Amino acid sequence: MASSVFTALDLKPQIDFVEIPADIREKYQYFTKADMQKVIQAGYTAGFTPLELAVSDYVKSYLNSHSYY
């Protein structure tokens, strides 16, 4: 997601990885992905927006334009 923010701002990504402290590593969730099967089974047919496109729209349409509402 961070890469998408840089791309939306037309900036070269400058991302540093920070190690998760050892004492919380086992409790940290590194990856999440919603199972959308129930939504589809309930009749949703409009499709889903890719994360990169959604981040770009949010950054350009709201954050970068200072249009927060």
Protein backbone atom coordinates (compact mmCIF):
# COMPACT_ATOMS: atom_id res chain seq x y z
CA MET A 1 0.00 0.00 0.00
CA ALA A 2 2.85 2.38 0.73
CA SER A 3 4.11 1.96 -2.83
CA SER A 4 0.67 2.97 -4.11
CA VAL A 5 0.79 6.20 -2.10
CA PHE A 6 4.17 7.14 -3.60
CA THR A 7 2.90 6.27 -7.10
CA ALA A 8 -0.22 8.42 -6.64
CA LEU A 9 2.00 11.35 -5.66
CA ASP A 10 4.38 10.75 -8.59
CA LEU A 11 7.24 10.18 -6.17
CA LYS A 12 9.99 7.58 -6.16
CA PRO A 13 9.24 5.13 -3.34
CA GLN A 14 11.46 5.58 -0.28
CA ILE A 15 10.37 2.83 2.06
CA ASP A 16 12.47 1.50 4.93
CA PHE A 17 11.60 -1.81 6.54
CA VAL A 18 11.48 -1.72 10.32
CA GLU A 19 11.77 -5.05 12.11
CA ILE A 20 8.86 -5.96 14.34
CA PRO A 21 10.11 -6.19 17.93
CA ALA A 22 10.73 -9.80 18.90
CA ASP A 23 8.35 -9.67 21.86
CA ILE A 24 5.31 -8.99 19.65
CA ARG A 25 6.20 -10.91 16.47
CA GLU A 26 4.01 -13.88 17.31
CA LYS A 27 1.02 -11.60 17.87
CA TYR A 28 1.46 -9.46 14.74
CA GLN A 29 -0.67 -10.21 11.69
CA TYR A 30 1.48 -9.68 8.60
CA PHE A 31 -1.18 -10.32 5.98
CA THR A 32 -4.95 -9.91 5.82
CA LYS A 33 -7.31 -10.72 3.02
CA ALA A 34 -11.05 -10.67 3.40
CA ASP A 35 -13.01 -13.65 2.12
CA MET A 36 -15.61 -11.95 -0.07
CA GLN A 37 -17.59 -15.14 -0.82
CA LYS A 38 -20.43 -14.23 1.58
CA VAL A 39 -20.82 -10.82 -0.05
CA ILE A 40 -20.94 -12.40 -3.51
CA GLN A 41 -23.35 -15.10 -2.34
CA ALA A 42 -25.59 -12.38 -0.90
CA GLY A 43 -25.96 -10.98 -4.42
CA TYR A 44 -23.21 -8.36 -4.78
CA THR A 45 -22.28 -8.16 -8.47
CA ALA A 46 -20.68 -4.74 -8.99
CA GLY A 47 -17.08 -5.89 -8.70
CA PHE A 48 -14.27 -4.70 -6.48
CA THR A 49 -11.77 -1.86 -6.80
CA PRO A 50 -8.11 -2.94 -6.82
CA LEU A 51 -6.19 -1.60 -3.80
CA GLU A 52 -3.74 0.38 -5.95
CA LEU A 53 -6.58 2.19 -7.75
CA ALA A 54 -8.46 2.90 -4.51
CA VAL A 55 -5.34 4.31 -2.83
CA SER A 56 -4.58 6.46 -5.87
CA ASP A 57 -8.12 7.85 -5.93
CA TYR A 58 -8.06 8.59 -2.20
CA VAL A 59 -4.67 10.31 -2.31
CA LYS A 60 -5.41 12.37 -5.44
CA SER A 61 -9.07 13.19 -4.79
CA TYR A 62 -8.95 13.85 -1.05
CA LEU A 63 -5.55 14.06 0.60
CA ASN A 64 -3.52 15.80 -2.09
CA SER A 65 -6.35 18.19 -3.01
CA HIS A 66 -7.07 19.01 0.66
CA SER A 67 -10.70 18.03 0.02
CA TYR A 68 -11.29 16.00 3.16
CA TYR A 69 -15.08 15.97 3.06
